[in-house]
């Protein structure tokens, strides 16, 4: 887990282990890939975390869960990205009254 604090790993019942990383997004991603041993890596976090990984070009596919709120509230994921958002396209959109799911992928070069 990406954090600003120094924390010891947290062992959960059933064998799940949370490792806390406080030395940046690149280190967190490297550690996640190493732990995944060739499997997919999923990032979870708030808008600031997603923006940081998008700015660094480290996201291949984004599953965005959007909950309707009053206009002007909530965090803006695609704000201040300097055009990075143009490198992605929405390939799937599943709306409902309670939540919308969007699958956004990096455009092929």
PDB file of N, CA and C in Angstrom:
ATOM      1  N   UNK A   1       0.840  -1.166   0.000  1.00  0.00           N
ATOM      2  CA  UNK A   1       0.000   0.000   0.000  1.00  0.00           C
ATOM      3  C   UNK A   1       0.890   1.235   0.000  1.00  0.00           C
ATOM      4  N   UNK A   2       0.544   2.177  -0.837  1.00  0.00           N
ATOM      5  CA  UNK A   2       1.265   3.437  -0.906  1.00  0.00           C
ATOM      6  C   UNK A   2       0.820   4.323   0.252  1.00  0.00           C
ATOM      7  N   UNK A   3       1.787   4.847   0.996  1.00  0.00           N
ATOM      8  CA  UNK A   3       1.474   5.669   2.159  1.00  0.00           C
ATOM      9  C   UNK A   3       2.569   6.708   2.365  1.00  0.00           C
ATOM     10  N   UNK A   4       2.302   7.674   3.216  1.00  0.00           N
ATOM     11  CA  UNK A   4       3.303   8.675   3.577  1.00  0.00           C
ATOM     12  C   UNK A   4       4.009   8.291   4.879  1.00  0.00           C
ATOM     13  N   UNK A   5       3.514   7.261   5.533  1.00  0.00           N
ATOM     14  CA  UNK A   5       4.030   6.865   6.837  1.00  0.00           C
ATOM     15  C   UNK A   5       4.876   5.598   6.739  1.00  0.00           C
ATOM     16  N   UNK A   6       5.747   5.407   7.708  1.00  0.00           N
ATOM     17  CA  UNK A   6       6.507   4.164   7.820  1.00  0.00           C
ATOM     18  C   UNK A   6       5.670   3.208   8.674  1.00  0.00           C
ATOM     19  N   UNK A   7       5.343   2.051   8.110  1.00  0.00           N
ATOM     20  CA  UNK A   7       4.523   1.074   8.823  1.00  0.00           C
ATOM     21  C   UNK A   7       5.082  -0.316   8.564  1.00  0.00           C
ATOM     22  N   UNK A   8       4.958  -1.168   9.547  1.00  0.00           N
ATOM     23  CA  UNK A   8       5.349  -2.570   9.386  1.00  0.00           C
ATOM     24  C   UNK A   8       4.300  -3.286   8.545  1.00  0.00           C
ATOM     25  N   UNK A   9       4.688  -4.356   7.839  1.00  0.00           N
ATOM     26  CA  UNK A   9       3.699  -5.133   7.075  1.00  0.00           C
ATOM     27  C   UNK A   9       2.586  -5.650   7.984  1.00  0.00           C
ATOM     28  N   UNK A  10       1.412  -5.812   7.416  1.00  0.00           N
ATOM     29  CA  UNK A  10       0.247  -6.280   8.160  1.00  0.00           C
ATOM     30  C   UNK A  10      -0.162  -7.643   7.618  1.00  0.00           C
ATOM     31  N   UNK A  11      -0.089  -8.643   8.477  1.00  0.00           N
ATOM     32  CA  UNK A  11      -0.473 -10.009   8.111  1.00  0.00           C
ATOM     33  C   UNK A  11      -1.940 -10.221   8.465  1.00  0.00           C
ATOM     34  N   UNK A  12      -2.709 -10.724   7.503  1.00  0.00           N
ATOM     35  CA  UNK A  12      -4.132 -10.974   7.722  1.00  0.00           C
ATOM     36  C   UNK A  12      -4.378 -12.477   7.813  1.00  0.00           C
ATOM     37  N   UNK A  13      -5.494 -12.824   8.415  1.00  0.00           N
ATOM     38  CA  UNK A  13      -5.899 -14.215   8.486  1.00  0.00           C
ATOM     39  C   UNK A  13      -6.103 -14.724   7.060  1.00  0.00           C
ATOM     40  N   UNK A  14      -5.661 -15.929   6.777  1.00  0.00           N
ATOM     41  CA  UNK A  14      -5.815 -16.474   5.432  1.00  0.00           C
ATOM     42  C   UNK A  14      -4.584 -16.270   4.558  1.00  0.00           C
ATOM     43  N   UNK A  15      -3.569 -15.556   5.080  1.00  0.00           N
ATOM     44  CA  UNK A  15      -2.328 -15.417   4.338  1.00  0.00           C
ATOM     45  C   UNK A  15      -2.130 -14.125   3.570  1.00  0.00           C
ATOM     46  N   UNK A  16      -3.124 -13.257   3.541  1.00  0.00           N
ATOM     47  CA  UNK A  16      -2.958 -11.972   2.853  1.00  0.00           C
ATOM     48  C   UNK A  16      -1.999 -11.100   3.651  1.00  0.00           C
ATOM     49  N   UNK A  17      -1.095 -10.456   2.932  1.00  0.00           N
ATOM     50  CA  UNK A  17      -0.127  -9.576   3.586  1.00  0.00           C
ATOM     51  C   UNK A  17      -0.147  -8.220   2.894  1.00  0.00           C
ATOM     52  N   UNK A  18      -0.299  -7.178   3.684  1.00  0.00           N
ATOM     53  CA  UNK A  18      -0.239  -5.815   3.177  1.00  0.00           C
ATOM     54  C   UNK A  18       1.131  -5.244   3.492  1.00  0.00           C
ATOM     55  N   UNK A  19       1.825  -4.779   2.461  1.00  0.00           N
ATOM     56  CA  UNK A  19       3.118  -4.135   2.628  1.00  0.00           C
ATOM     57  C   UNK A  19       2.924  -2.652   2.377  1.00  0.00           C
ATOM     58  N   UNK A  20       3.400  -1.826   3.262  1.00  0.00           N
ATOM     59  CA  UNK A  20       3.238  -0.378   3.149  1.00  0.00           C
ATOM     60  C   UNK A  20       4.508   0.220   2.548  1.00  0.00           C
ATOM     61  N   UNK A  21       4.345   0.988   1.486  1.00  0.00           N
ATOM     62  CA  UNK A  21       5.470   1.570   0.754  1.00  0.00           C
ATOM     63  C   UNK A  21       5.378   3.088   0.849  1.00  0.00           C
ATOM     64  N   UNK A  22       6.459   3.717   1.293  1.00  0.00           N
ATOM     65  CA  UNK A  22       6.427   5.171   1.451  1.00  0.00           C
ATOM     66  C   UNK A  22       7.520   5.870   0.639  1.00  0.00           C
ATOM     67  N   UNK A  23       8.114   5.155  -0.329  1.00  0.00           N
ATOM     68  CA  UNK A  23       9.176   5.784  -1.118  1.00  0.00           C
ATOM     69  C   UNK A  23       8.784   5.983  -2.584  1.00  0.00           C
ATOM     70  N   UNK A  24       7.501   6.219  -2.821  1.00  0.00           N
ATOM     71  CA  UNK A  24       7.056   6.638  -4.138  1.00  0.00           C
ATOM     72  C   UNK A  24       6.321   5.592  -4.950  1.00  0.00           C
ATOM     73  N   UNK A  25       5.672   6.096  -6.014  1.00  0.00           N
ATOM     74  CA  UNK A  25       4.820   5.237  -6.844  1.00  0.00           C
ATOM     75  C   UNK A  25       5.620   4.217  -7.636  1.00  0.00           C
ATOM     76  N   UNK A  26       6.806   4.585  -8.097  1.00  0.00           N
ATOM     77  CA  UNK A  26       7.613   3.642  -8.874  1.00  0.00           C
ATOM     78  C   UNK A  26       8.038   2.455  -8.008  1.00  0.00           C
ATOM     79  N   UNK A  27       8.478   2.735  -6.794  1.00  0.00           N
ATOM     80  CA  UNK A  27       8.874   1.680  -5.870  1.00  0.00           C
ATOM     81  C   UNK A  27       7.675   0.787  -5.536  1.00  0.00           C
ATOM     82  N   UNK A  28       6.537   1.386  -5.279  1.00  0.00           N
ATOM     83  CA  UNK A  28       5.334   0.608  -4.955  1.00  0.00           C
ATOM     84  C   UNK A  28       4.964  -0.325  -6.102  1.00  0.00           C
ATOM     85  N   UNK A  29       5.046   0.177  -7.334  1.00  0.00           N
ATOM     86  CA  UNK A  29       4.697  -0.635  -8.492  1.00  0.00           C
ATOM     87  C   UNK A  29       5.716  -1.753  -8.704  1.00  0.00           C
ATOM     88  N   UNK A  30       7.005  -1.454  -8.549  1.00  0.00           N
ATOM     89  CA  UNK A  30       8.050  -2.483  -8.680  1.00  0.00           C
ATOM     90  C   UNK A  30       7.834  -3.600  -7.664  1.00  0.00           C
ATOM     91  N   UNK A  31       7.534  -3.220  -6.432  1.00  0.00           N
ATOM     92  CA  UNK A  31       7.301  -4.214  -5.391  1.00  0.00           C
ATOM     93  C   UNK A  31       6.047  -5.038  -5.678  1.00  0.00           C
ATOM     94  N   UNK A  32       5.026  -4.392  -6.218  1.00  0.00           N
ATOM     95  CA  UNK A  32       3.788  -5.112  -6.561  1.00  0.00           C
ATOM     96  C   UNK A  32       4.043  -6.124  -7.673  1.00  0.00           C
ATOM     97  N   UNK A  33       4.797  -5.719  -8.700  1.00  0.00           N
ATOM     98  CA  UNK A  33       5.120  -6.650  -9.793  1.00  0.00           C
ATOM     99  C   UNK A  33       5.948  -7.830  -9.279  1.00  0.00           C
ATOM    100  N   UNK A  34       6.896  -7.553  -8.406  1.00  0.00           N
ATOM    101  CA  UNK A  34       7.724  -8.622  -7.844  1.00  0.00           C
ATOM    102  C   UNK A  34       6.859  -9.598  -7.042  1.00  0.00           C
ATOM    103  N   UNK A  35       5.941  -9.074  -6.246  1.00  0.00           N
ATOM    104  CA  UNK A  35       5.068  -9.928  -5.429  1.00  0.00           C
ATOM    105  C   UNK A  35       4.086 -10.714  -6.292  1.00  0.00           C
ATOM    106  N   UNK A  36       3.670 -10.138  -7.448  1.00  0.00           N
ATOM    107  CA  UNK A  36       2.688 -10.779  -8.321  1.00  0.00           C
ATOM    108  C   UNK A  36       3.279 -11.940  -9.113  1.00  0.00           C
ATOM    109  N   UNK A  37       4.601 -11.982  -9.243  1.00  0.00           N
ATOM    110  CA  UNK A  37       5.285 -13.083  -9.945  1.00  0.00           C
ATOM    111  C   UNK A  37       4.678 -13.372 -11.311  1.00  0.00           C
ATOM    112  N   UNK A  38       4.556 -12.315 -12.122  1.00  0.00           N
ATOM    113  CA  UNK A  38       4.065 -12.476 -13.489  1.00  0.00           C
ATOM    114  C   UNK A  38       2.571 -12.325 -13.681  1.00  0.00           C
ATOM    115  N   UNK A  39       1.835 -12.236 -12.607  1.00  0.00           N
ATOM    116  CA  UNK A  39       0.384 -12.041 -12.722  1.00  0.00           C
ATOM    117  C   UNK A  39       0.087 -10.553 -12.835  1.00  0.00           C
ATOM    118  N   UNK A  40      -1.173 -10.226 -13.130  1.00  0.00           N
ATOM    119  CA  UNK A  40      -1.584  -8.830 -13.233  1.00  0.00           C
ATOM    120  C   UNK A  40      -1.449  -8.125 -11.891  1.00  0.00           C
ATOM    121  N   UNK A  41      -1.195  -6.829 -11.965  1.00  0.00           N
ATOM    122  CA  UNK A  41      -1.129  -5.982 -10.778  1.00  0.00           C
ATOM    123  C   UNK A  41      -2.264  -4.981 -10.857  1.00  0.00           C
ATOM    124  N   UNK A  42      -2.985  -4.833  -9.774  1.00  0.00           N
ATOM    125  CA  UNK A  42      -4.070  -3.850  -9.697  1.00  0.00           C
ATOM    126  C   UNK A  42      -3.710  -2.801  -8.661  1.00  0.00           C
ATOM    127  N   UNK A  43      -3.967  -1.563  -9.040  1.00  0.00           N
ATOM    128  CA  UNK A  43      -3.759  -0.445  -8.127  1.00  0.00           C
ATOM    129  C   UNK A  43      -5.113  -0.017  -7.601  1.00  0.00           C
ATOM    130  N   UNK A  44      -5.166   0.357  -6.346  1.00  0.00           N
ATOM    131  CA  UNK A  44      -6.386   0.891  -5.773  1.00  0.00           C
ATOM    132  C   UNK A  44      -6.012   2.149  -5.014  1.00  0.00           C
ATOM    133  N   UNK A  45      -6.853   3.138  -5.110  1.00  0.00           N
ATOM    134  CA  UNK A  45      -6.556   4.360  -4.385  1.00  0.00           C
ATOM    135  C   UNK A  45      -7.487   5.475  -4.780  1.00  0.00           C
ATOM    136  N   UNK A  46      -7.260   6.602  -4.177  1.00  0.00           N
ATOM    137  CA  UNK A  46      -8.073   7.769  -4.460  1.00  0.00           C
ATOM    138  C   UNK A  46      -7.590   8.505  -5.699  1.00  0.00           C
ATOM    139  N   UNK A  47      -8.216   9.628  -5.968  1.00  0.00           N
ATOM    140  CA  UNK A  47      -7.937  10.399  -7.172  1.00  0.00           C
ATOM    141  C   UNK A  47      -6.477  10.834  -7.265  1.00  0.00           C
ATOM    142  N   UNK A  48      -5.875  11.234  -6.167  1.00  0.00           N
ATOM    143  CA  UNK A  48      -4.482  11.694  -6.200  1.00  0.00           C
ATOM    144  C   UNK A  48      -3.541  10.559  -6.598  1.00  0.00           C
ATOM    145  N   UNK A  49      -3.795   9.365  -6.107  1.00  0.00           N
ATOM    146  CA  UNK A  49      -2.966   8.213  -6.460  1.00  0.00           C
ATOM    147  C   UNK A  49      -3.124   7.876  -7.934  1.00  0.00           C
ATOM    148  N   UNK A  50      -4.350   7.837  -8.413  1.00  0.00           N
ATOM    149  CA  UNK A  50      -4.599   7.540  -9.824  1.00  0.00           C
ATOM    150  C   UNK A  50      -3.944   8.593 -10.713  1.00  0.00           C
ATOM    151  N   UNK A  51      -4.088   9.865 -10.358  1.00  0.00           N
ATOM    152  CA  UNK A  51      -3.461  10.954 -11.143  1.00  0.00           C
ATOM    153  C   UNK A  51      -1.948  10.765 -11.212  1.00  0.00           C
ATOM    154  N   UNK A  52      -1.317  10.424 -10.100  1.00  0.00           N
ATOM    155  CA  UNK A  52       0.139  10.244 -10.078  1.00  0.00           C
ATOM    156  C   UNK A  52       0.572   9.141 -11.039  1.00  0.00           C
ATOM    157  N   UNK A  53      -0.134   8.020 -11.038  1.00  0.00           N
ATOM    158  CA  UNK A  53       0.211   6.919 -11.939  1.00  0.00           C
ATOM    159  C   UNK A  53      -0.117   7.259 -13.391  1.00  0.00           C
ATOM    160  N   UNK A  54      -1.209   7.973 -13.626  1.00  0.00           N
ATOM    161  CA  UNK A  54      -1.523   8.407 -14.996  1.00  0.00           C
ATOM    162  C   UNK A  54      -0.462   9.368 -15.521  1.00  0.00           C
ATOM    163  N   UNK A  55      -0.064  10.337 -14.709  1.00  0.00           N
ATOM    164  CA  UNK A  55       0.973  11.302 -15.111  1.00  0.00           C
ATOM    165  C   UNK A  55       2.275  10.599 -15.471  1.00  0.00           C
ATOM    166  N   UNK A  56       2.590   9.536 -14.746  1.00  0.00           N
ATOM    167  CA  UNK A  56       3.819   8.793 -14.990  1.00  0.00           C
ATOM    168  C   UNK A  56       3.680   7.793 -16.141  1.00  0.00           C
ATOM    169  N   UNK A  57       2.463   7.674 -16.704  1.00  0.00           N
ATOM    170  CA  UNK A  57       2.237   6.754 -17.816  1.00  0.00           C
ATOM    171  C   UNK A  57       2.296   5.294 -17.411  1.00  0.00           C
ATOM    172  N   UNK A  58       1.985   4.992 -16.166  1.00  0.00           N
ATOM    173  CA  UNK A  58       2.135   3.640 -15.638  1.00  0.00           C
ATOM    174  C   UNK A  58       0.840   2.835 -15.617  1.00  0.00           C
ATOM    175  N   UNK A  59      -0.243   3.400 -16.106  1.00  0.00           N
ATOM    176  CA  UNK A  59      -1.521   2.683 -16.116  1.00  0.00           C
ATOM    177  C   UNK A  59      -1.838   2.254 -17.540  1.00  0.00           C
ATOM    178  N   UNK A  60      -2.056   0.947 -17.725  1.00  0.00           N
ATOM    179  CA  UNK A  60      -2.446   0.419 -19.034  1.00  0.00           C
ATOM    180  C   UNK A  60      -3.966   0.392 -19.164  1.00  0.00           C
ATOM    181  N   UNK A  61      -4.640   0.064 -18.061  1.00  0.00           N
ATOM    182  CA  UNK A  61      -6.096  -0.030 -18.070  1.00  0.00           C
ATOM    183  C   UNK A  61      -6.622   0.460 -16.727  1.00  0.00           C
ATOM    184  N   UNK A  62      -7.680   1.253 -16.770  1.00  0.00           N
ATOM    185  CA  UNK A  62      -8.263   1.842 -15.572  1.00  0.00           C
ATOM    186  C   UNK A  62      -9.731   1.467 -15.488  1.00  0.00           C
ATOM    187  N   UNK A  63     -10.124   0.841 -14.377  1.00  0.00           N
ATOM    188  CA  UNK A  63     -11.540   0.584 -14.103  1.00  0.00           C
ATOM    189  C   UNK A  63     -11.975   1.665 -13.130  1.00  0.00           C
ATOM    190  N   UNK A  64     -12.732   2.607 -13.632  1.00  0.00           N
ATOM    191  CA  UNK A  64     -13.148   3.760 -12.844  1.00  0.00           C
ATOM    192  C   UNK A  64     -14.582   3.559 -12.379  1.00  0.00           C
ATOM    193  N   UNK A  65     -14.790   3.660 -11.074  1.00  0.00           N
ATOM    194  CA  UNK A  65     -16.126   3.552 -10.494  1.00  0.00           C
ATOM    195  C   UNK A  65     -16.534   4.956 -10.091  1.00  0.00           C
ATOM    196  N   UNK A  66     -17.586   5.450 -10.722  1.00  0.00           N
ATOM    197  CA  UNK A  66     -18.022   6.833 -10.507  1.00  0.00           C
ATOM    198  C   UNK A  66     -19.392   6.838  -9.828  1.00  0.00           C
ATOM    199  N   UNK A  67     -19.455   7.504  -8.692  1.00  0.00           N
ATOM    200  CA  UNK A  67     -20.697   7.616  -7.941  1.00  0.00           C
ATOM    201  C   UNK A  67     -21.229   9.034  -8.123  1.00  0.00           C
ATOM    202  N   UNK A  68     -22.491   9.165  -8.546  1.00  0.00           N
ATOM    203  CA  UNK A  68     -23.036  10.509  -8.761  1.00  0.00           C
ATOM    204  C   UNK A  68     -23.057  11.329  -7.471  1.00  0.00           C
ATOM    205  N   UNK A  69     -22.525  12.538  -7.544  1.00  0.00           N
ATOM    206  CA  UNK A  69     -22.577  13.491  -6.442  1.00  0.00           C
ATOM    207  C   UNK A  69     -23.030  14.826  -7.014  1.00  0.00           C
ATOM    208  N   UNK A  70     -23.344  15.746  -6.141  1.00  0.00           N
ATOM    209  CA  UNK A  70     -23.729  17.070  -6.604  1.00  0.00           C
ATOM    210  C   UNK A  70     -22.569  17.711  -7.342  1.00  0.00           C
ATOM    211  N   UNK A  71     -22.876  18.497  -8.383  1.00  0.00           N
ATOM    212  CA  UNK A  71     -21.833  19.149  -9.162  1.00  0.00           C
ATOM    213  C   UNK A  71     -20.899  19.949  -8.263  1.00  0.00           C
ATOM    214  N   UNK A  72     -19.591  19.852  -8.546  1.00  0.00           N
ATOM    215  CA  UNK A  72     -18.606  20.604  -7.791  1.00  0.00           C
ATOM    216  C   UNK A  72     -18.041  19.869  -6.602  1.00  0.00           C
ATOM    217  N   UNK A  73     -18.578  18.691  -6.285  1.00  0.00           N
ATOM    218  CA  UNK A  73     -18.071  17.924  -5.158  1.00  0.00           C
ATOM    219  C   UNK A  73     -17.225  16.761  -5.663  1.00  0.00           C
ATOM    220  N   UNK A  74     -16.420  16.213  -4.790  1.00  0.00           N
ATOM    221  CA  UNK A  74     -15.592  15.070  -5.155  1.00  0.00           C
ATOM    222  C   UNK A  74     -14.284  15.514  -5.766  1.00  0.00           C
ATOM    223  N   UNK A  75     -13.397  14.549  -5.962  1.00  0.00           N
ATOM    224  CA  UNK A  75     -12.089  14.840  -6.543  1.00  0.00           C
ATOM    225  C   UNK A  75     -12.131  14.592  -8.041  1.00  0.00           C
ATOM    226  N   UNK A  76     -11.372  15.363  -8.782  1.00  0.00           N
ATOM    227  CA  UNK A  76     -11.322  15.239 -10.241  1.00  0.00           C
ATOM    228  C   UNK A  76     -10.092  14.424 -10.628  1.00  0.00           C
ATOM    229  N   UNK A  77     -10.329  13.262 -11.190  1.00  0.00           N
ATOM    230  CA  UNK A  77      -9.224  12.382 -11.546  1.00  0.00           C
ATOM    231  C   UNK A  77      -8.421  12.928 -12.726  1.00  0.00           C
ATOM    232  N   UNK A  78      -9.090  13.504 -13.714  1.00  0.00           N
ATOM    233  CA  UNK A  78      -8.397  13.920 -14.927  1.00  0.00           C
ATOM    234  C   UNK A  78      -8.016  15.397 -14.933  1.00  0.00           C
ATOM    235  N   UNK A  79      -7.885  15.996 -13.750  1.00  0.00           N
ATOM    236  CA  UNK A  79      -7.517  17.405 -13.645  1.00  0.00           C
ATOM    237  C   UNK A  79      -5.996  17.551 -13.576  1.00  0.00           C
ATOM    238  N   UNK A  80      -5.481  18.573 -14.260  1.00  0.00           N
ATOM    239  CA  UNK A  80      -4.049  18.908 -14.223  1.00  0.00           C
ATOM    240  C   UNK A  80      -3.148  17.769 -14.685  1.00  0.00           C
ATOM    241  N   UNK A  81      -3.556  17.070 -15.734  1.00  0.00           N
ATOM    242  CA  UNK A  81      -2.734  15.979 -16.249  1.00  0.00           C
ATOM    243  C   UNK A  81      -1.914  16.390 -17.472  1.00  0.00           C
ATOM    244  N   UNK A  82      -2.031  17.632 -17.885  1.00  0.00           N
ATOM    245  CA  UNK A  82      -1.204  18.107 -18.990  1.00  0.00           C
ATOM    246  C   UNK A  82      -1.416  17.367 -20.289  1.00  0.00           C
ATOM    247  N   UNK A  83      -2.623  16.947 -20.600  1.00  0.00           N
ATOM    248  CA  UNK A  83      -2.920  16.274 -21.856  1.00  0.00           C
ATOM    249  C   UNK A  83      -2.800  14.768 -21.810  1.00  0.00           C
ATOM    250  N   UNK A  84      -2.351  14.218 -20.685  1.00  0.00           N
ATOM    251  CA  UNK A  84      -2.204  12.764 -20.575  1.00  0.00           C
ATOM    252  C   UNK A  84      -3.537  12.070 -20.827  1.00  0.00           C
ATOM    253  N   UNK A  85      -4.621  12.708 -20.414  1.00  0.00           N
ATOM    254  CA  UNK A  85      -5.940  12.084 -20.577  1.00  0.00           C
ATOM    255  C   UNK A  85      -6.273  11.810 -22.046  1.00  0.00           C
ATOM    256  N   UNK A  86      -5.638  12.519 -22.975  1.00  0.00           N
ATOM    257  CA  UNK A  86      -5.893  12.279 -24.405  1.00  0.00           C
ATOM    258  C   UNK A  86      -5.245  10.976 -24.880  1.00  0.00           C
ATOM    259  N   UNK A  87      -4.409  10.371 -24.073  1.00  0.00           N
ATOM    260  CA  UNK A  87      -3.758   9.116 -24.435  1.00  0.00           C
ATOM    261  C   UNK A  87      -4.623   7.899 -24.107  1.00  0.00           C
ATOM    262  N   UNK A  88      -5.772   8.144 -23.491  1.00  0.00           N
ATOM    263  CA  UNK A  88      -6.648   7.066 -23.058  1.00  0.00           C
ATOM    264  C   UNK A  88      -8.009   7.171 -23.733  1.00  0.00           C
ATOM    265  N   UNK A  89      -8.703   6.032 -23.830  1.00  0.00           N
ATOM    266  CA  UNK A  89     -10.054   6.039 -24.379  1.00  0.00           C
ATOM    267  C   UNK A  89     -10.954   5.127 -23.553  1.00  0.00           C
ATOM    268  N   UNK A  90     -12.219   5.509 -23.477  1.00  0.00           N
ATOM    269  CA  UNK A  90     -13.203   4.707 -22.757  1.00  0.00           C
ATOM    270  C   UNK A  90     -13.681   3.610 -23.712  1.00  0.00           C
ATOM    271  N   UNK A  91     -13.498   2.346 -23.316  1.00  0.00           N
ATOM    272  CA  UNK A  91     -13.895   1.229 -24.162  1.00  0.00           C
ATOM    273  C   UNK A  91     -15.119   0.497 -23.622  1.00  0.00           C
ATOM    274  N   UNK A  92     -15.521   0.843 -22.406  1.00  0.00           N
ATOM    275  CA  UNK A  92     -16.705   0.218 -21.813  1.00  0.00           C
ATOM    276  C   UNK A  92     -17.314   1.173 -20.805  1.00  0.00           C
ATOM    277  N   UNK A  93     -18.648   1.309 -20.855  1.00  0.00           N
ATOM    278  CA  UNK A  93     -19.371   2.190 -19.945  1.00  0.00           C
ATOM    279  C   UNK A  93     -20.629   1.478 -19.503  1.00  0.00           C
ATOM    280  N   UNK A  94     -20.759   1.224 -18.191  1.00  0.00           N
ATOM    281  CA  UNK A  94     -21.926   0.530 -17.648  1.00  0.00           C
ATOM    282  C   UNK A  94     -22.549   1.414 -16.574  1.00  0.00           C
ATOM    283  N   UNK A  95     -23.637   2.114 -16.921  1.00  0.00           N
ATOM    284  CA  UNK A  95     -24.262   3.017 -15.951  1.00  0.00           C
ATOM    285  C   UNK A  95     -25.408   2.362 -15.182  1.00  0.00           C
ATOM    286  N   UNK A  96     -25.673   2.912 -14.012  1.00  0.00           N
ATOM    287  CA  UNK A  96     -26.881   2.585 -13.254  1.00  0.00           C
ATOM    288  C   UNK A  96     -27.255   3.835 -12.470  1.00  0.00           C
ATOM    289  N   UNK A  97     -28.338   3.787 -11.750  1.00  0.00           N
ATOM    290  CA  UNK A  97     -28.759   4.951 -10.964  1.00  0.00           C
ATOM    291  C   UNK A  97     -27.807   5.216  -9.795  1.00  0.00           C
ATOM    292  N   UNK A  98     -27.127   4.180  -9.318  1.00  0.00           N
ATOM    293  CA  UNK A  98     -26.281   4.316  -8.131  1.00  0.00           C
ATOM    294  C   UNK A  98     -24.801   4.520  -8.454  1.00  0.00           C
ATOM    295  N   UNK A  99     -24.343   3.955  -9.578  1.00  0.00           N
ATOM    296  CA  UNK A  99     -22.915   3.988  -9.889  1.00  0.00           C
ATOM    297  C   UNK A  99     -22.702   3.741 -11.378  1.00  0.00           C
ATOM    298  N   UNK A 100     -21.642   4.297 -11.916  1.00  0.00           N
ATOM    299  CA  UNK A 100     -21.250   4.022 -13.303  1.00  0.00           C
ATOM    300  C   UNK A 100     -19.865   3.398 -13.290  1.00  0.00           C
ATOM    301  N   UNK A 101     -19.680   2.392 -14.129  1.00  0.00           N
ATOM    302  CA  UNK A 101     -18.382   1.738 -14.272  1.00  0.00           C
ATOM    303  C   UNK A 101     -17.839   2.083 -15.655  1.00  0.00           C
ATOM    304  N   UNK A 102     -16.606   2.551 -15.701  1.00  0.00           N
ATOM    305  CA  UNK A 102     -15.952   2.876 -16.958  1.00  0.00           C
ATOM    306  C   UNK A 102     -14.657   2.079 -17.045  1.00  0.00           C
ATOM    307  N   UNK A 103     -14.391   1.503 -18.208  1.00  0.00           N
ATOM    308  CA  UNK A 103     -13.107   0.852 -18.444  1.00  0.00           C
ATOM    309  C   UNK A 103     -12.374   1.703 -19.455  1.00  0.00           C
ATOM    310  N   UNK A 104     -11.256   2.246 -19.026  1.00  0.00           N
ATOM    311  CA  UNK A 104     -10.464   3.181 -19.820  1.00  0.00           C
ATOM    312  C   UNK A 104      -9.116   2.536 -20.083  1.00  0.00           C
ATOM    313  N   UNK A 105      -8.699   2.510 -21.358  1.00  0.00           N
ATOM    314  CA  UNK A 105      -7.424   1.881 -21.704  1.00  0.00           C
ATOM    315  C   UNK A 105      -6.521   2.861 -22.416  1.00  0.00           C
ATOM    316  N   UNK A 106      -5.226   2.589 -22.324  1.00  0.00           N
ATOM    317  CA  UNK A 106      -4.240   3.398 -23.016  1.00  0.00           C
ATOM    318  C   UNK A 106      -4.370   3.112 -24.514  1.00  0.00           C
ATOM    319  N   UNK A 107      -4.415   4.160 -25.319  1.00  0.00           N
ATOM    320  CA  UNK A 107      -4.514   4.007 -26.763  1.00  0.00           C
ATOM    321  C   UNK A 107      -3.245   3.374 -27.313  1.00  0.00           C
ATOM    322  N   UNK A 108      -3.422   2.553 -28.344  1.00  0.00           N
ATOM    323  CA  UNK A 108      -2.272   1.940 -29.000  1.00  0.00           C
ATOM    324  C   UNK A 108      -1.474   3.016 -29.720  1.00  0.00           C
ATOM    325  N   UNK A 109      -0.168   2.865 -29.720  1.00  0.00           N
ATOM    326  CA  UNK A 109       0.697   3.869 -30.369  1.00  0.00           C
ATOM    327  C   UNK A 109       0.758   3.650 -31.852  1.00  0.00           C
TER     328      UNK A 109
END
